PDB file of all heavy atoms in Angstrom:
ATOM      1  N   TYR A   1      55.928  86.196  63.287  1.00  0.00           N
ATOM      2  CA  TYR A   1      56.468  86.255  61.985  1.00  0.00           C
ATOM      3  C   TYR A   1      55.295  86.047  61.050  1.00  0.00           C
ATOM      4  O   TYR A   1      54.180  85.815  61.478  1.00  0.00           O
ATOM      5  CB  TYR A   1      57.548  85.195  61.775  1.00  0.00           C
ATOM      6  CG  TYR A   1      58.666  85.363  62.925  1.00  0.00           C
ATOM      7  CD1 TYR A   1      58.572  84.564  64.083  1.00  0.00           C
ATOM      8  CD2 TYR A   1      59.658  86.313  62.793  1.00  0.00           C
ATOM      9  CE1 TYR A   1      59.473  84.741  65.033  1.00  0.00           C
ATOM     10  CE2 TYR A   1      60.581  86.434  63.775  1.00  0.00           C
ATOM     11  CZ  TYR A   1      60.541  85.686  64.938  1.00  0.00           C
ATOM     12  OH  TYR A   1      61.445  85.824  65.916  1.00  0.00           O
ATOM     13  N   ASP A   2      55.483  86.103  59.725  1.00  0.00           N
ATOM     14  CA  ASP A   2      54.406  86.068  58.789  1.00  0.00           C
ATOM     15  C   ASP A   2      53.764  84.673  58.826  1.00  0.00           C
ATOM     16  O   ASP A   2      54.275  83.668  58.221  1.00  0.00           O
ATOM     17  CB  ASP A   2      54.955  86.349  57.383  1.00  0.00           C
ATOM     18  CG  ASP A   2      53.758  86.541  56.339  1.00  0.00           C
ATOM     19  OD1 ASP A   2      52.612  86.453  56.803  1.00  0.00           O
ATOM     20  OD2 ASP A   2      54.107  86.658  55.199  1.00  0.00           O
ATOM     21  N   GLY A   3      52.624  84.530  59.529  1.00  0.00           N
ATOM     22  CA  GLY A   3      51.933  83.243  59.560  1.00  0.00           C
ATOM     23  C   GLY A   3      52.274  82.430  60.837  1.00  0.00           C
ATOM     24  O   GLY A   3      51.652  81.393  61.049  1.00  0.00           O
ATOM     25  N   ILE A   4      53.172  82.908  61.727  1.00  0.00           N
ATOM     26  CA  ILE A   4      53.571  82.168  62.974  1.00  0.00           C
ATOM     27  C   ILE A   4      53.547  83.237  64.065  1.00  0.00           C
ATOM     28  O   ILE A   4      54.340  84.127  64.021  1.00  0.00           O
ATOM     29  CB  ILE A   4      54.861  81.445  62.844  1.00  0.00           C
ATOM     30  CG1 ILE A   4      54.812  80.443  61.681  1.00  0.00           C
ATOM     31  CG2 ILE A   4      55.222  80.757  64.131  1.00  0.00           C
ATOM     32  CD1 ILE A   4      56.150  79.792  61.406  1.00  0.00           C
ATOM     33  N   GLY A   5      52.758  82.992  65.109  1.00  0.00           N
ATOM     34  CA  GLY A   5      52.803  83.831  66.336  1.00  0.00           C
ATOM     35  C   GLY A   5      53.000  82.899  67.516  1.00  0.00           C
ATOM     36  O   GLY A   5      52.178  81.987  67.706  1.00  0.00           O
ATOM     37  N   LEU A   6      53.925  83.181  68.382  1.00  0.00           N
ATOM     38  CA  LEU A   6      54.200  82.414  69.536  1.00  0.00           C
ATOM     39  C   LEU A   6      54.217  83.259  70.808  1.00  0.00           C
ATOM     40  O   LEU A   6      54.975  84.272  70.843  1.00  0.00           O
ATOM     41  CB  LEU A   6      55.528  81.680  69.441  1.00  0.00           C
ATOM     42  CG  LEU A   6      55.700  80.699  68.234  1.00  0.00           C
ATOM     43  CD1 LEU A   6      57.083  80.330  67.986  1.00  0.00           C
ATOM     44  CD2 LEU A   6      54.918  79.422  68.529  1.00  0.00           C
ATOM     45  N   ASP A   7      53.413  82.956  71.771  1.00  0.00           N
ATOM     46  CA  ASP A   7      53.442  83.635  73.075  1.00  0.00           C
ATOM     47  C   ASP A   7      54.568  83.098  73.939  1.00  0.00           C
ATOM     48  O   ASP A   7      54.924  81.851  73.855  1.00  0.00           O
ATOM     49  CB  ASP A   7      52.185  83.375  73.825  1.00  0.00           C
ATOM     50  CG  ASP A   7      50.991  83.989  73.108  1.00  0.00           C
ATOM     51  OD1 ASP A   7      51.124  85.228  72.854  1.00  0.00           O
ATOM     52  OD2 ASP A   7      50.007  83.283  72.864  1.00  0.00           O
ATOM     53  N   VAL A   8      55.282  83.926  74.630  1.00  0.00           N
ATOM     54  CA  VAL A   8      56.432  83.659  75.516  1.00  0.00           C
ATOM     55  C   VAL A   8      55.994  83.465  76.921  1.00  0.00           C
ATOM     56  O   VAL A   8      55.419  84.333  77.523  1.00  0.00           O
ATOM     57  CB  VAL A   8      57.544  84.633  75.355  1.00  0.00           C
ATOM     58  CG1 VAL A   8      58.740  84.284  76.271  1.00  0.00           C
ATOM     59  CG2 VAL A   8      57.985  84.736  73.913  1.00  0.00           C
ATOM     60  N   ILE A   9      56.304  82.352  77.540  1.00  0.00           N
ATOM     61  CA  ILE A   9      56.070  82.113  78.939  1.00  0.00           C
ATOM     62  C   ILE A   9      57.458  81.799  79.626  1.00  0.00           C
ATOM     63  O   ILE A   9      58.123  80.830  79.221  1.00  0.00           O
ATOM     64  CB  ILE A   9      55.119  80.863  79.223  1.00  0.00           C
ATOM     65  CG1 ILE A   9      53.777  81.259  78.661  1.00  0.00           C
ATOM     66  CG2 ILE A   9      55.000  80.575  80.714  1.00  0.00           C
ATOM     67  CD1 ILE A   9      52.706  80.089  78.840  1.00  0.00           C
ATOM     68  N   GLN A  10      57.814  82.607  80.607  1.00  0.00           N
ATOM     69  CA  GLN A  10      59.012  82.281  81.306  1.00  0.00           C
ATOM     70  C   GLN A  10      58.722  81.309  82.406  1.00  0.00           C
ATOM     71  O   GLN A  10      57.696  81.362  83.170  1.00  0.00           O
ATOM     72  CB  GLN A  10      59.593  83.550  81.975  1.00  0.00           C
ATOM     73  CG  GLN A  10      60.938  83.387  82.658  1.00  0.00           C
ATOM     74  CD  GLN A  10      61.507  84.732  83.182  1.00  0.00           C
ATOM     75  OE1 GLN A  10      60.849  85.642  83.335  1.00  0.00           O
ATOM     76  NE2 GLN A  10      62.854  84.665  83.416  1.00  0.00           N
ATOM     77  N   LEU A  11      59.625  80.269  82.506  1.00  0.00           N
ATOM     78  CA  LEU A  11      59.479  79.209  83.504  1.00  0.00           C
ATOM     79  C   LEU A  11      60.859  79.142  84.239  1.00  0.00           C
ATOM     80  O   LEU A  11      61.708  78.443  83.841  1.00  0.00           O
ATOM     81  CB  LEU A  11      59.167  77.907  82.813  1.00  0.00           C
ATOM     82  CG  LEU A  11      57.895  77.866  81.967  1.00  0.00           C
ATOM     83  CD1 LEU A  11      57.760  76.553  81.187  1.00  0.00           C
ATOM     84  CD2 LEU A  11      56.685  77.962  82.876  1.00  0.00           C
ATOM     85  N   ARG A  12      60.954  79.914  85.345  1.00  0.00           N
ATOM     86  CA  ARG A  12      62.158  80.114  86.015  1.00  0.00           C
ATOM     87  C   ARG A  12      62.498  78.902  86.886  1.00  0.00           C
ATOM     88  O   ARG A  12      61.596  78.405  87.622  1.00  0.00           O
ATOM     89  CB  ARG A  12      62.046  81.362  86.880  1.00  0.00           C
ATOM     90  CG  ARG A  12      61.738  82.608  86.101  1.00  0.00           C
ATOM     91  CD  ARG A  12      61.142  83.688  86.963  1.00  0.00           C
ATOM     92  NE  ARG A  12      59.726  83.304  87.378  1.00  0.00           N
ATOM     93  CZ  ARG A  12      58.940  84.130  88.002  1.00  0.00           C
ATOM     94  NH1 ARG A  12      59.330  85.315  88.314  1.00  0.00           N
ATOM     95  NH2 ARG A  12      57.777  83.677  88.341  1.00  0.00           N
ATOM     96  N   GLY A  13      63.725  78.463  86.857  1.00  0.00           N
ATOM     97  CA  GLY A  13      64.191  77.426  87.773  1.00  0.00           C
ATOM     98  C   GLY A  13      65.160  76.486  87.179  1.00  0.00           C
ATOM     99  O   GLY A  13      66.207  76.169  87.781  1.00  0.00           O
ATOM    100  N   HIS A  14      64.856  75.911  85.990  1.00  0.00           N
ATOM    101  CA  HIS A  14      65.832  75.083  85.300  1.00  0.00           C
ATOM    102  C   HIS A  14      67.063  75.896  84.938  1.00  0.00           C
ATOM    103  O   HIS A  14      68.187  75.485  85.118  1.00  0.00           O
ATOM    104  CB  HIS A  14      65.224  74.438  84.106  1.00  0.00           C
ATOM    105  CG  HIS A  14      66.138  73.453  83.344  1.00  0.00           C
ATOM    106  ND1 HIS A  14      66.641  72.276  83.920  1.00  0.00           N
ATOM    107  CD2 HIS A  14      66.706  73.552  82.114  1.00  0.00           C
ATOM    108  CE1 HIS A  14      67.435  71.678  83.040  1.00  0.00           C
ATOM    109  NE2 HIS A  14      67.493  72.448  81.964  1.00  0.00           N
ATOM    110  N   THR A  15      66.794  77.039  84.381  1.00  0.00           N
ATOM    111  CA  THR A  15      67.774  78.149  84.294  1.00  0.00           C
ATOM    112  C   THR A  15      66.998  79.417  84.498  1.00  0.00           C
ATOM    113  O   THR A  15      65.751  79.452  84.505  1.00  0.00           O
ATOM    114  CB  THR A  15      68.422  78.245  82.888  1.00  0.00           C
ATOM    115  OG1 THR A  15      67.369  78.623  81.909  1.00  0.00           O
ATOM    116  CG2 THR A  15      69.013  76.950  82.422  1.00  0.00           C
ATOM    117  N   PRO A  16      67.690  80.489  84.817  1.00  0.00           N
ATOM    118  CA  PRO A  16      66.940  81.744  85.186  1.00  0.00           C
ATOM    119  C   PRO A  16      66.080  82.273  84.062  1.00  0.00           C
ATOM    120  O   PRO A  16      65.000  82.854  84.267  1.00  0.00           O
ATOM    121  CB  PRO A  16      68.066  82.760  85.510  1.00  0.00           C
ATOM    122  CG  PRO A  16      69.155  81.921  85.947  1.00  0.00           C
ATOM    123  CD  PRO A  16      69.138  80.675  85.064  1.00  0.00           C
ATOM    124  N   GLY A  17      66.526  82.095  82.772  1.00  0.00           N
ATOM    125  CA  GLY A  17      65.835  82.569  81.703  1.00  0.00           C
ATOM    126  C   GLY A  17      65.166  81.645  80.783  1.00  0.00           C
ATOM    127  O   GLY A  17      64.807  81.875  79.601  1.00  0.00           O
ATOM    128  N   SER A  18      64.824  80.445  81.335  1.00  0.00           N
ATOM    129  CA  SER A  18      64.099  79.454  80.530  1.00  0.00           C
ATOM    130  C   SER A  18      62.734  79.961  80.094  1.00  0.00           C
ATOM    131  O   SER A  18      61.974  80.551  80.925  1.00  0.00           O
ATOM    132  CB  SER A  18      63.894  78.167  81.392  1.00  0.00           C
ATOM    133  OG  SER A  18      65.109  77.432  81.532  1.00  0.00           O
ATOM    134  N   VAL A  19      62.391  79.679  78.823  1.00  0.00           N
ATOM    135  CA  VAL A  19      61.109  80.166  78.314  1.00  0.00           C
ATOM    136  C   VAL A  19      60.512  78.987  77.554  1.00  0.00           C
ATOM    137  O   VAL A  19      61.172  78.089  77.049  1.00  0.00           O
ATOM    138  CB  VAL A  19      61.283  81.350  77.379  1.00  0.00           C
ATOM    139  CG1 VAL A  19      61.666  82.584  78.173  1.00  0.00           C
ATOM    140  CG2 VAL A  19      62.271  81.068  76.238  1.00  0.00           C
ATOM    141  N   ALA A  20      59.128  79.044  77.464  1.00  0.00           N
ATOM    142  CA  ALA A  20      58.406  78.192  76.702  1.00  0.00           C
ATOM    143  C   ALA A  20      57.715  79.015  75.575  1.00  0.00           C
ATOM    144  O   ALA A  20      57.409  80.169  75.777  1.00  0.00           O
ATOM    145  CB  ALA A  20      57.354  77.397  77.463  1.00  0.00           C
ATOM    146  N   PHE A  21      57.412  78.378  74.415  1.00  0.00           N
ATOM    147  CA  PHE A  21      56.818  78.985  73.284  1.00  0.00           C
ATOM    148  C   PHE A  21      55.477  78.369  73.052  1.00  0.00           C
ATOM    149  O   PHE A  21      55.346  77.127  72.924  1.00  0.00           O
ATOM    150  CB  PHE A  21      57.710  78.927  72.071  1.00  0.00           C
ATOM    151  CG  PHE A  21      59.037  79.632  72.245  1.00  0.00           C
ATOM    152  CD1 PHE A  21      60.147  78.926  72.487  1.00  0.00           C
ATOM    153  CD2 PHE A  21      59.116  81.052  72.160  1.00  0.00           C
ATOM    154  CE1 PHE A  21      61.391  79.552  72.654  1.00  0.00           C
ATOM    155  CE2 PHE A  21      60.365  81.657  72.378  1.00  0.00           C
ATOM    156  CZ  PHE A  21      61.427  80.899  72.659  1.00  0.00           C
ATOM    157  N   VAL A  22      54.433  79.237  73.023  1.00  0.00           N
ATOM    158  CA  VAL A  22      53.021  78.719  72.949  1.00  0.00           C
ATOM    159  C   VAL A  22      52.417  79.007  71.572  1.00  0.00           C
ATOM    160  O   VAL A  22      52.419  80.152  71.185  1.00  0.00           O
ATOM    161  CB  VAL A  22      52.138  79.407  74.012  1.00  0.00           C
ATOM    162  CG1 VAL A  22      50.701  78.864  74.003  1.00  0.00           C
ATOM    163  CG2 VAL A  22      52.741  79.141  75.412  1.00  0.00           C
ATOM    164  N   TYR A  23      51.977  77.916  70.905  1.00  0.00           N
ATOM    165  CA  TYR A  23      51.336  78.130  69.552  1.00  0.00           C
ATOM    166  C   TYR A  23      49.817  77.781  69.798  1.00  0.00           C
ATOM    167  O   TYR A  23      49.530  76.570  69.880  1.00  0.00           O
ATOM    168  CB  TYR A  23      52.009  77.314  68.501  1.00  0.00           C
ATOM    169  CG  TYR A  23      51.311  77.485  67.176  1.00  0.00           C
ATOM    170  CD1 TYR A  23      51.510  78.639  66.383  1.00  0.00           C
ATOM    171  CD2 TYR A  23      50.380  76.552  66.655  1.00  0.00           C
ATOM    172  CE1 TYR A  23      50.892  78.860  65.140  1.00  0.00           C
ATOM    173  CE2 TYR A  23      49.725  76.730  65.486  1.00  0.00           C
ATOM    174  CZ  TYR A  23      49.954  77.928  64.742  1.00  0.00           C
ATOM    175  OH  TYR A  23      49.279  78.104  63.560  1.00  0.00           O
ATOM    176  N   PRO A  24      48.949  78.744  69.795  1.00  0.00           N
ATOM    177  CA  PRO A  24      47.516  78.447  69.929  1.00  0.00           C
ATOM    178  C   PRO A  24      46.947  78.007  68.568  1.00  0.00           C
ATOM    179  O   PRO A  24      47.313  78.575  67.523  1.00  0.00           O
ATOM    180  CB  PRO A  24      46.946  79.738  70.388  1.00  0.00           C
ATOM    181  CG  PRO A  24      47.808  80.799  69.854  1.00  0.00           C
ATOM    182  CD  PRO A  24      49.186  80.241  69.788  1.00  0.00           C
TER     183      PRO A  24
END
């Protein structure tokens, strides 16, 4: 989004589609 970029990392196991959001 304008001024915010987040990389998506899937972390499977807690739920099938669990994701983490990474802000460098």
